[in-house]
């Protein structure tokens, strides 16, 4: 949110966690950018503000919600025709389980144990299908890798674990 605000974008961040929103608000104050935060469900915001934004980002949260297709539907409703929805999540396969759950939560202790539920991971084909069902077309998919030794993320072709998808809302 803050990086988009630094480019001059008007940015609204939403979450259902009051605690997370307070942390985000404090962080944006410290960084000197203006981001409006609101405690609201994506579906409720979409009902209140349909077709009102050019870009929606939904990063690293679809694998934590009970109904990711509902979230994607809300994102598609929020964005104007021709606008973009960007999502990132975790693939569902053995490699993703070993790296995102076993490695990150139990071996490296990068995340609290129990952060991820393997059954909620989403394959790229599932996410693309959810998007098609909501009137979004896939523009691009990229993999994202993390090197814990250098603490560097990189975009590439490997979608086995983390991946991002860019969608455009059809008219």
N, C-alpha and C. Protein backbone atom coordinates (compact mmCIF):
# COMPACT_ATOMS: atom_id res chain seq x y z
N UNK A 1 0.83 -1.19 0.00
CA UNK A 1 0.00 0.00 0.00
C UNK A 1 0.87 1.26 0.00
N UNK A 2 1.90 1.24 0.85
CA UNK A 2 2.74 2.43 0.96
C UNK A 2 3.53 2.71 -0.31
N UNK A 3 4.00 1.67 -0.96
CA UNK A 3 4.76 1.90 -2.20
C UNK A 3 3.88 2.51 -3.28
N UNK A 4 2.61 2.10 -3.33
CA UNK A 4 1.70 2.71 -4.30
C UNK A 4 1.40 4.16 -3.91
N UNK A 5 1.24 4.42 -2.63
CA UNK A 5 0.97 5.79 -2.17
C UNK A 5 2.15 6.71 -2.49
N UNK A 6 3.37 6.18 -2.41
CA UNK A 6 4.55 7.00 -2.73
C UNK A 6 4.59 7.44 -4.18
N UNK A 7 3.89 6.70 -5.07
CA UNK A 7 3.85 7.08 -6.48
C UNK A 7 2.75 8.10 -6.76
N UNK A 8 1.98 8.46 -5.72
CA UNK A 8 0.92 9.43 -5.89
C UNK A 8 -0.47 8.83 -5.96
N UNK A 9 -0.57 7.52 -5.86
CA UNK A 9 -1.88 6.87 -5.91
C UNK A 9 -2.66 7.15 -4.63
N UNK A 10 -3.97 7.21 -4.78
CA UNK A 10 -4.86 7.26 -3.62
C UNK A 10 -5.08 5.82 -3.20
N UNK A 11 -4.71 5.50 -1.96
CA UNK A 11 -4.69 4.10 -1.53
C UNK A 11 -5.59 3.88 -0.32
N UNK A 12 -6.36 2.80 -0.39
CA UNK A 12 -7.21 2.38 0.72
C UNK A 12 -6.80 0.94 1.06
N UNK A 13 -6.50 0.70 2.31
CA UNK A 13 -6.19 -0.65 2.78
C UNK A 13 -7.31 -1.14 3.66
N UNK A 14 -7.70 -2.40 3.48
CA UNK A 14 -8.77 -2.95 4.30
C UNK A 14 -8.32 -4.24 4.97
N UNK A 15 -8.93 -4.52 6.10
CA UNK A 15 -8.66 -5.75 6.83
C UNK A 15 -9.80 -5.93 7.82
N UNK A 16 -9.96 -7.15 8.30
CA UNK A 16 -10.96 -7.40 9.33
C UNK A 16 -10.35 -7.39 10.73
N UNK A 17 -9.03 -7.21 10.80
CA UNK A 17 -8.34 -7.21 12.08
C UNK A 17 -8.02 -5.78 12.52
N UNK A 18 -8.60 -5.37 13.61
CA UNK A 18 -8.32 -4.03 14.16
C UNK A 18 -6.84 -3.90 14.49
N UNK A 19 -6.27 -4.93 15.06
CA UNK A 19 -4.85 -4.92 15.43
C UNK A 19 -3.96 -4.72 14.20
N UNK A 20 -4.23 -5.46 13.14
CA UNK A 20 -3.43 -5.34 11.91
C UNK A 20 -3.57 -3.94 11.32
N UNK A 21 -4.76 -3.38 11.36
CA UNK A 21 -4.97 -2.04 10.82
C UNK A 21 -4.24 -0.97 11.64
N UNK A 22 -4.20 -1.14 12.95
CA UNK A 22 -3.47 -0.19 13.79
C UNK A 22 -1.97 -0.23 13.48
N UNK A 23 -1.44 -1.42 13.28
CA UNK A 23 -0.02 -1.57 12.93
C UNK A 23 0.24 -0.93 11.56
N UNK A 24 -0.63 -1.19 10.60
CA UNK A 24 -0.47 -0.63 9.26
C UNK A 24 -0.56 0.89 9.29
N UNK A 25 -1.49 1.43 10.05
CA UNK A 25 -1.65 2.88 10.16
C UNK A 25 -0.41 3.52 10.76
N UNK A 26 0.13 2.91 11.81
CA UNK A 26 1.34 3.41 12.44
C UNK A 26 2.50 3.38 11.46
N UNK A 27 2.60 2.29 10.71
CA UNK A 27 3.68 2.16 9.73
C UNK A 27 3.59 3.21 8.64
N UNK A 28 2.37 3.50 8.17
CA UNK A 28 2.23 4.52 7.12
C UNK A 28 2.54 5.91 7.67
N UNK A 29 2.20 6.16 8.93
CA UNK A 29 2.56 7.44 9.55
C UNK A 29 4.07 7.59 9.65
N UNK A 30 4.74 6.52 10.05
CA UNK A 30 6.20 6.56 10.17
C UNK A 30 6.88 6.74 8.82
N UNK A 31 6.27 6.20 7.77
CA UNK A 31 6.89 6.31 6.45
C UNK A 31 6.51 7.61 5.73
N UNK A 32 5.57 8.37 6.30
CA UNK A 32 5.22 9.66 5.73
C UNK A 32 4.31 9.63 4.52
N UNK A 33 3.60 8.52 4.31
CA UNK A 33 2.68 8.44 3.18
C UNK A 33 1.25 8.41 3.70
N UNK A 34 0.32 8.76 2.83
CA UNK A 34 -1.09 8.77 3.21
C UNK A 34 -1.78 7.54 2.66
N UNK A 35 -2.24 6.70 3.56
CA UNK A 35 -3.03 5.53 3.21
C UNK A 35 -4.25 5.54 4.13
N UNK A 36 -5.43 5.37 3.56
CA UNK A 36 -6.65 5.29 4.35
C UNK A 36 -6.91 3.83 4.67
N UNK A 37 -7.02 3.51 5.95
CA UNK A 37 -7.30 2.13 6.36
C UNK A 37 -8.71 2.03 6.91
N UNK A 38 -9.33 0.89 6.63
CA UNK A 38 -10.71 0.70 7.07
C UNK A 38 -10.93 -0.77 7.46
N UNK A 39 -11.62 -0.97 8.56
CA UNK A 39 -11.98 -2.31 9.00
C UNK A 39 -13.30 -2.68 8.32
N UNK A 40 -13.18 -3.47 7.25
CA UNK A 40 -14.36 -3.84 6.47
C UNK A 40 -14.01 -5.08 5.64
N UNK A 41 -15.00 -5.89 5.40
CA UNK A 41 -14.83 -7.05 4.52
C UNK A 41 -14.79 -6.58 3.07
N UNK A 42 -14.02 -7.28 2.26
CA UNK A 42 -13.92 -6.94 0.84
C UNK A 42 -15.30 -6.93 0.18
N UNK A 43 -16.12 -7.89 0.55
CA UNK A 43 -17.45 -7.98 -0.04
C UNK A 43 -18.31 -6.76 0.31
N UNK A 44 -18.19 -6.29 1.54
CA UNK A 44 -18.96 -5.10 1.96
C UNK A 44 -18.47 -3.85 1.25
N UNK A 45 -17.16 -3.72 1.11
CA UNK A 45 -16.61 -2.56 0.39
C UNK A 45 -17.04 -2.59 -1.07
N UNK A 46 -17.03 -3.78 -1.67
CA UNK A 46 -17.45 -3.90 -3.08
C UNK A 46 -18.91 -3.51 -3.25
N UNK A 47 -19.74 -3.87 -2.29
CA UNK A 47 -21.16 -3.50 -2.36
C UNK A 47 -21.34 -2.00 -2.23
N UNK A 48 -20.48 -1.37 -1.43
CA UNK A 48 -20.58 0.07 -1.20
C UNK A 48 -19.94 0.89 -2.33
N UNK A 49 -18.89 0.35 -2.96
CA UNK A 49 -18.12 1.12 -3.94
C UNK A 49 -17.86 0.32 -5.22
N UNK A 50 -18.89 -0.17 -5.90
CA UNK A 50 -18.63 -0.97 -7.11
C UNK A 50 -17.99 -0.14 -8.22
N UNK A 51 -17.10 -0.79 -8.96
CA UNK A 51 -16.44 -0.18 -10.13
C UNK A 51 -15.86 1.19 -9.81
N UNK A 52 -15.17 1.30 -8.67
CA UNK A 52 -14.71 2.61 -8.22
C UNK A 52 -13.19 2.79 -8.21
N UNK A 53 -12.43 1.74 -8.50
CA UNK A 53 -10.98 1.86 -8.43
C UNK A 53 -10.34 1.30 -9.70
N UNK A 54 -9.11 1.74 -9.95
CA UNK A 54 -8.38 1.27 -11.13
C UNK A 54 -7.59 0.00 -10.87
N UNK A 55 -7.13 -0.18 -9.63
CA UNK A 55 -6.29 -1.31 -9.27
C UNK A 55 -6.70 -1.84 -7.91
N UNK A 56 -6.76 -3.17 -7.80
CA UNK A 56 -6.97 -3.85 -6.52
C UNK A 56 -5.83 -4.83 -6.34
N UNK A 57 -5.19 -4.79 -5.17
CA UNK A 57 -4.18 -5.79 -4.86
C UNK A 57 -4.69 -6.67 -3.73
N UNK A 58 -4.44 -7.93 -3.87
CA UNK A 58 -4.87 -8.93 -2.90
C UNK A 58 -3.68 -9.85 -2.67
N UNK A 59 -2.79 -9.43 -1.78
CA UNK A 59 -1.51 -10.11 -1.64
C UNK A 59 -1.43 -10.97 -0.38
N UNK A 60 -1.06 -12.22 -0.60
CA UNK A 60 -0.77 -13.15 0.50
C UNK A 60 -1.89 -13.24 1.52
N UNK A 61 -3.13 -13.30 1.05
CA UNK A 61 -4.24 -13.46 1.99
C UNK A 61 -5.27 -14.48 1.55
N UNK A 62 -5.33 -14.77 0.25
CA UNK A 62 -6.34 -15.71 -0.23
C UNK A 62 -6.23 -17.08 0.43
N UNK A 63 -5.00 -17.47 0.79
CA UNK A 63 -4.79 -18.78 1.42
C UNK A 63 -5.16 -18.78 2.91
N UNK A 64 -5.68 -17.66 3.40
CA UNK A 64 -6.07 -17.56 4.81
C UNK A 64 -7.57 -17.37 5.01
N UNK A 65 -8.33 -17.29 3.94
CA UNK A 65 -9.76 -16.99 4.07
C UNK A 65 -10.61 -18.23 3.75
N UNK A 66 -11.82 -18.29 4.30
CA UNK A 66 -12.67 -19.47 4.06
C UNK A 66 -13.19 -19.56 2.62
N UNK A 67 -13.36 -18.43 1.95
CA UNK A 67 -13.95 -18.45 0.60
C UNK A 67 -13.17 -17.52 -0.33
N UNK A 68 -12.03 -17.98 -0.86
CA UNK A 68 -11.23 -17.10 -1.72
C UNK A 68 -11.97 -16.65 -2.98
N UNK A 69 -12.88 -17.45 -3.48
CA UNK A 69 -13.62 -17.05 -4.68
C UNK A 69 -14.51 -15.84 -4.37
N UNK A 70 -15.05 -15.76 -3.16
CA UNK A 70 -15.85 -14.60 -2.76
C UNK A 70 -14.99 -13.34 -2.70
N UNK A 71 -13.78 -13.48 -2.21
CA UNK A 71 -12.85 -12.33 -2.16
C UNK A 71 -12.52 -11.87 -3.58
N UNK A 72 -12.24 -12.82 -4.46
CA UNK A 72 -11.90 -12.46 -5.84
C UNK A 72 -13.10 -11.81 -6.53
N UNK A 73 -14.28 -12.28 -6.24
CA UNK A 73 -15.50 -11.68 -6.80
C UNK A 73 -15.63 -10.23 -6.32
N UNK A 74 -15.32 -10.00 -5.05
CA UNK A 74 -15.37 -8.63 -4.51
C UNK A 74 -14.33 -7.76 -5.19
N UNK A 75 -13.13 -8.29 -5.41
CA UNK A 75 -12.08 -7.53 -6.10
C UNK A 75 -12.53 -7.15 -7.51
N UNK A 76 -13.15 -8.10 -8.20
CA UNK A 76 -13.63 -7.84 -9.56
C UNK A 76 -14.74 -6.80 -9.56
N UNK A 77 -15.55 -6.80 -8.53
CA UNK A 77 -16.64 -5.81 -8.42
C UNK A 77 -16.07 -4.43 -8.15
N UNK A 78 -15.05 -4.35 -7.31
CA UNK A 78 -14.45 -3.05 -6.95
C UNK A 78 -13.78 -2.35 -8.13
N UNK A 79 -13.13 -3.11 -8.99
CA UNK A 79 -12.32 -2.51 -10.05
C UNK A 79 -13.19 -2.10 -11.24
N UNK A 80 -12.81 -0.98 -11.83
CA UNK A 80 -13.54 -0.49 -13.02
C UNK A 80 -13.27 -1.42 -14.21
N UNK A 81 -14.18 -1.45 -15.18
CA UNK A 81 -13.89 -2.20 -16.41
C UNK A 81 -12.58 -1.71 -17.02
N UNK A 82 -11.72 -2.65 -17.38
CA UNK A 82 -10.40 -2.32 -17.90
C UNK A 82 -9.36 -2.19 -16.80
N UNK A 83 -9.79 -2.19 -15.54
CA UNK A 83 -8.87 -2.09 -14.41
C UNK A 83 -8.21 -3.43 -14.10
N UNK A 84 -7.29 -3.41 -13.16
CA UNK A 84 -6.47 -4.59 -12.87
C UNK A 84 -6.63 -5.07 -11.44
N UNK A 85 -6.58 -6.38 -11.28
CA UNK A 85 -6.56 -7.04 -9.98
C UNK A 85 -5.28 -7.87 -9.92
N UNK A 86 -4.49 -7.65 -8.89
CA UNK A 86 -3.25 -8.39 -8.69
C UNK A 86 -3.39 -9.25 -7.44
N UNK A 87 -3.07 -10.54 -7.57
CA UNK A 87 -3.17 -11.47 -6.45
C UNK A 87 -1.86 -12.23 -6.29
N UNK A 88 -1.51 -12.52 -5.05
CA UNK A 88 -0.41 -13.44 -4.79
C UNK A 88 -0.87 -14.43 -3.74
N UNK A 89 -0.42 -15.66 -3.88
CA UNK A 89 -0.81 -16.70 -2.94
C UNK A 89 0.19 -17.85 -3.03
N UNK A 90 -0.15 -18.97 -2.42
CA UNK A 90 0.74 -20.12 -2.37
C UNK A 90 0.10 -21.29 -3.10
N UNK A 91 0.89 -21.93 -3.96
CA UNK A 91 0.45 -23.09 -4.71
C UNK A 91 0.23 -24.27 -3.75
N UNK A 92 -0.59 -25.21 -4.18
CA UNK A 92 -0.85 -26.40 -3.36
C UNK A 92 -0.19 -27.62 -3.99
N UNK A 93 0.97 -27.97 -3.46
CA UNK A 93 1.70 -29.16 -3.88
C UNK A 93 2.73 -29.50 -2.80
N UNK A 94 3.43 -30.60 -2.95
CA UNK A 94 4.37 -31.05 -1.93
C UNK A 94 5.50 -30.05 -1.70
N UNK A 95 6.05 -29.51 -2.78
CA UNK A 95 7.14 -28.53 -2.64
C UNK A 95 6.68 -27.31 -1.84
N UNK A 96 5.48 -26.82 -2.13
CA UNK A 96 4.95 -25.65 -1.41
C UNK A 96 4.76 -25.99 0.07
N UNK A 97 4.26 -27.17 0.35
CA UNK A 97 4.08 -27.58 1.75
C UNK A 97 5.43 -27.62 2.46
N UNK A 98 6.41 -28.24 1.83
CA UNK A 98 7.73 -28.37 2.46
C UNK A 98 8.39 -27.01 2.70
N UNK A 99 8.28 -26.10 1.75
CA UNK A 99 8.95 -24.80 1.90
C UNK A 99 8.13 -23.81 2.72
N UNK A 100 6.84 -23.67 2.42
CA UNK A 100 6.02 -22.64 3.07
C UNK A 100 5.57 -23.02 4.48
N UNK A 101 5.36 -24.30 4.71
CA UNK A 101 4.90 -24.73 6.04
C UNK A 101 6.07 -25.27 6.85
N UNK A 102 6.64 -26.38 6.40
CA UNK A 102 7.71 -27.01 7.17
C UNK A 102 8.92 -26.08 7.29
N UNK A 103 9.39 -25.56 6.16
CA UNK A 103 10.58 -24.71 6.17
C UNK A 103 10.37 -23.39 6.89
N UNK A 104 9.36 -22.63 6.49
CA UNK A 104 9.16 -21.28 7.04
C UNK A 104 8.64 -21.29 8.47
N UNK A 105 7.80 -22.28 8.81
CA UNK A 105 7.18 -22.27 10.13
C UNK A 105 7.92 -23.12 11.17
N UNK A 106 8.50 -24.23 10.74
CA UNK A 106 9.08 -25.17 11.70
C UNK A 106 10.61 -25.20 11.71
N UNK A 107 11.23 -25.01 10.55
CA UNK A 107 12.70 -25.08 10.49
C UNK A 107 13.32 -23.70 10.71
N UNK A 108 12.93 -22.73 9.91
CA UNK A 108 13.52 -21.39 9.99
C UNK A 108 12.81 -20.48 10.99
N UNK A 109 11.64 -20.87 11.45
CA UNK A 109 10.85 -20.06 12.38
C UNK A 109 10.63 -18.63 11.89
N UNK A 110 10.43 -18.48 10.58
CA UNK A 110 10.15 -17.17 9.98
C UNK A 110 8.72 -16.73 10.27
N UNK A 111 7.83 -17.69 10.46
CA UNK A 111 6.42 -17.44 10.71
C UNK A 111 5.98 -18.28 11.90
N UNK A 112 4.98 -17.83 12.62
CA UNK A 112 4.46 -18.64 13.72
C UNK A 112 3.91 -19.98 13.20
N UNK A 113 4.12 -21.03 13.95
CA UNK A 113 3.58 -22.34 13.57
C UNK A 113 2.07 -22.25 13.48
N UNK A 114 1.53 -22.87 12.43
CA UNK A 114 0.09 -22.85 12.23
C UNK A 114 -0.39 -21.67 11.39
N UNK A 115 0.54 -20.85 10.90
CA UNK A 115 0.15 -19.71 10.06
C UNK A 115 -0.59 -20.18 8.82
N UNK A 116 -0.10 -21.26 8.22
CA UNK A 116 -0.69 -21.75 6.97
C UNK A 116 -1.40 -23.08 7.16
N UNK A 117 -2.47 -23.24 6.42
CA UNK A 117 -3.22 -24.50 6.36
C UNK A 117 -3.09 -24.99 4.92
N UNK A 118 -2.38 -26.08 4.73
CA UNK A 118 -2.11 -26.60 3.39
C UNK A 118 -3.39 -26.76 2.57
N UNK A 119 -4.47 -27.16 3.20
CA UNK A 119 -5.72 -27.37 2.47
C UNK A 119 -6.28 -26.07 1.87
N UNK A 120 -5.84 -24.93 2.36
CA UNK A 120 -6.31 -23.64 1.84
C UNK A 120 -5.39 -23.08 0.75
N UNK A 121 -4.28 -23.75 0.46
CA UNK A 121 -3.42 -23.31 -0.63
C UNK A 121 -4.21 -23.45 -1.93
N UNK A 122 -3.87 -22.63 -2.93
CA UNK A 122 -4.65 -22.52 -4.17
C UNK A 122 -3.74 -22.74 -5.37
N UNK A 123 -4.09 -23.68 -6.21
CA UNK A 123 -3.28 -23.89 -7.42
C UNK A 123 -3.53 -22.75 -8.40
N UNK A 124 -2.57 -22.48 -9.27
CA UNK A 124 -2.78 -21.43 -10.28
C UNK A 124 -4.02 -21.68 -11.15
N UNK A 125 -4.28 -22.93 -11.48
CA UNK A 125 -5.45 -23.21 -12.32
C UNK A 125 -6.74 -22.91 -11.57
N UNK A 126 -6.78 -23.17 -10.27
CA UNK A 126 -7.96 -22.82 -9.47
C UNK A 126 -8.17 -21.31 -9.42
N UNK A 127 -7.10 -20.57 -9.17
CA UNK A 127 -7.23 -19.12 -9.10
C UNK A 127 -7.65 -18.54 -10.44
N UNK A 128 -7.09 -19.05 -11.52
CA UNK A 128 -7.48 -18.58 -12.86
C UNK A 128 -8.95 -18.88 -13.14
N UNK A 129 -9.43 -20.03 -12.68
CA UNK A 129 -10.84 -20.38 -12.86
C UNK A 129 -11.74 -19.46 -12.04
N UNK A 130 -11.35 -19.20 -10.78
CA UNK A 130 -12.13 -18.26 -9.96
C UNK A 130 -12.23 -16.91 -10.67
N UNK A 131 -11.11 -16.47 -11.22
CA UNK A 131 -11.07 -15.17 -11.90
C UNK A 131 -12.00 -15.15 -13.12
N UNK A 132 -11.90 -16.17 -13.94
CA UNK A 132 -12.78 -16.26 -15.12
C UNK A 132 -14.25 -16.20 -14.70
N UNK A 133 -14.57 -16.87 -13.60
CA UNK A 133 -15.96 -16.90 -13.13
C UNK A 133 -16.45 -15.55 -12.63
N UNK A 134 -15.53 -14.61 -12.40
CA UNK A 134 -15.92 -13.28 -11.91
C UNK A 134 -15.74 -12.20 -12.97
N UNK A 135 -15.44 -12.59 -14.22
CA UNK A 135 -15.29 -11.60 -15.28
C UNK A 135 -13.90 -11.00 -15.39
N UNK A 136 -12.91 -11.69 -14.84
CA UNK A 136 -11.53 -11.24 -14.96
C UNK A 136 -10.79 -12.14 -15.94
N UNK A 137 -9.90 -11.52 -16.73
CA UNK A 137 -9.08 -12.33 -17.62
C UNK A 137 -7.63 -12.29 -17.14
N UNK A 138 -6.96 -13.42 -17.24
CA UNK A 138 -5.56 -13.51 -16.82
C UNK A 138 -4.69 -12.77 -17.82
N UNK A 139 -3.87 -11.86 -17.31
CA UNK A 139 -2.94 -11.10 -18.14
C UNK A 139 -1.55 -11.71 -18.04
N UNK A 140 -1.12 -12.04 -16.82
CA UNK A 140 0.22 -12.59 -16.63
C UNK A 140 0.30 -13.32 -15.30
N UNK A 141 1.16 -14.34 -15.27
CA UNK A 141 1.45 -15.07 -14.04
C UNK A 141 2.96 -15.16 -13.89
N UNK A 142 3.43 -14.90 -12.67
CA UNK A 142 4.86 -14.99 -12.38
C UNK A 142 5.04 -15.72 -11.06
N UNK A 143 6.15 -16.44 -10.98
CA UNK A 143 6.51 -17.07 -9.73
C UNK A 143 7.31 -16.11 -8.87
N UNK A 144 7.33 -16.37 -7.58
CA UNK A 144 8.11 -15.55 -6.67
C UNK A 144 8.89 -16.49 -5.77
N UNK A 145 10.20 -16.30 -5.71
CA UNK A 145 11.03 -17.14 -4.86
C UNK A 145 11.69 -16.28 -3.79
N UNK A 146 12.02 -16.91 -2.69
CA UNK A 146 12.66 -16.23 -1.58
C UNK A 146 13.92 -17.00 -1.19
N UNK A 147 15.02 -16.28 -1.06
CA UNK A 147 16.27 -16.88 -0.60
C UNK A 147 16.47 -16.46 0.85
N UNK A 148 16.32 -17.39 1.81
CA UNK A 148 16.44 -17.02 3.22
C UNK A 148 17.86 -16.61 3.62
N UNK A 149 18.86 -17.03 2.85
CA UNK A 149 20.24 -16.65 3.18
C UNK A 149 20.52 -15.19 2.85
N UNK A 150 20.00 -14.73 1.70
CA UNK A 150 20.22 -13.34 1.30
C UNK A 150 19.03 -12.45 1.65
N UNK A 151 17.92 -13.08 2.06
CA UNK A 151 16.67 -12.39 2.37
C UNK A 151 16.18 -11.56 1.19
N UNK A 152 16.28 -12.15 -0.01
CA UNK A 152 15.88 -11.47 -1.25
C UNK A 152 14.79 -12.27 -1.94
N UNK A 153 13.74 -11.55 -2.35
CA UNK A 153 12.68 -12.11 -3.18
C UNK A 153 13.01 -11.84 -4.64
N UNK A 154 12.61 -12.76 -5.51
CA UNK A 154 12.83 -12.56 -6.94
C UNK A 154 11.62 -13.08 -7.71
N UNK A 155 11.29 -12.38 -8.78
CA UNK A 155 10.23 -12.83 -9.68
C UNK A 155 10.85 -13.70 -10.76
N UNK A 156 10.11 -14.72 -11.18
CA UNK A 156 10.61 -15.61 -12.22
C UNK A 156 9.52 -16.51 -12.74
N UNK A 157 9.92 -17.62 -13.32
CA UNK A 157 8.96 -18.54 -13.92
C UNK A 157 8.51 -19.65 -12.97
N UNK A 158 9.20 -19.85 -11.87
CA UNK A 158 8.90 -20.94 -10.95
C UNK A 158 7.68 -20.60 -10.09
N UNK A 159 6.55 -21.21 -10.41
CA UNK A 159 5.30 -20.97 -9.68
C UNK A 159 4.98 -22.11 -8.71
N UNK A 160 5.97 -22.94 -8.43
CA UNK A 160 5.74 -24.11 -7.59
C UNK A 160 5.32 -23.75 -6.16
N UNK A 161 5.78 -22.63 -5.64
CA UNK A 161 5.45 -22.26 -4.26
C UNK A 161 4.64 -20.97 -4.26
N UNK A 162 5.29 -19.84 -4.31
CA UNK A 162 4.58 -18.55 -4.33
C UNK A 162 4.42 -18.09 -5.78
N UNK A 163 3.27 -17.49 -6.06
CA UNK A 163 3.06 -16.95 -7.39
C UNK A 163 2.15 -15.73 -7.33
N UNK A 164 2.24 -14.94 -8.39
CA UNK A 164 1.41 -13.75 -8.54
C UNK A 164 0.66 -13.86 -9.85
N UNK A 165 -0.55 -13.33 -9.87
CA UNK A 165 -1.33 -13.27 -11.10
C UNK A 165 -1.88 -11.87 -11.27
N UNK A 166 -1.83 -11.40 -12.50
CA UNK A 166 -2.42 -10.11 -12.86
C UNK A 166 -3.63 -10.40 -13.73
N UNK A 167 -4.75 -9.79 -13.37
CA UNK A 167 -5.99 -9.95 -14.10
C UNK A 167 -6.50 -8.59 -14.54
N UNK A 168 -7.24 -8.57 -15.65
CA UNK A 168 -7.89 -7.35 -16.11
C UNK A 168 -9.39 -7.61 -16.13
N UNK A 169 -10.14 -6.63 -15.63
CA UNK A 169 -11.60 -6.76 -15.65
C UNK A 169 -12.11 -6.47 -17.04
N UNK A 170 -12.90 -7.38 -17.53
CA UNK A 170 -13.53 -7.19 -18.83
C UNK A 170 -14.64 -6.16 -18.70
N UNK A 171 -14.99 -5.55 -19.80
CA UNK A 171 -16.03 -4.50 -19.79
C UNK A 171 -17.38 -5.04 -19.37
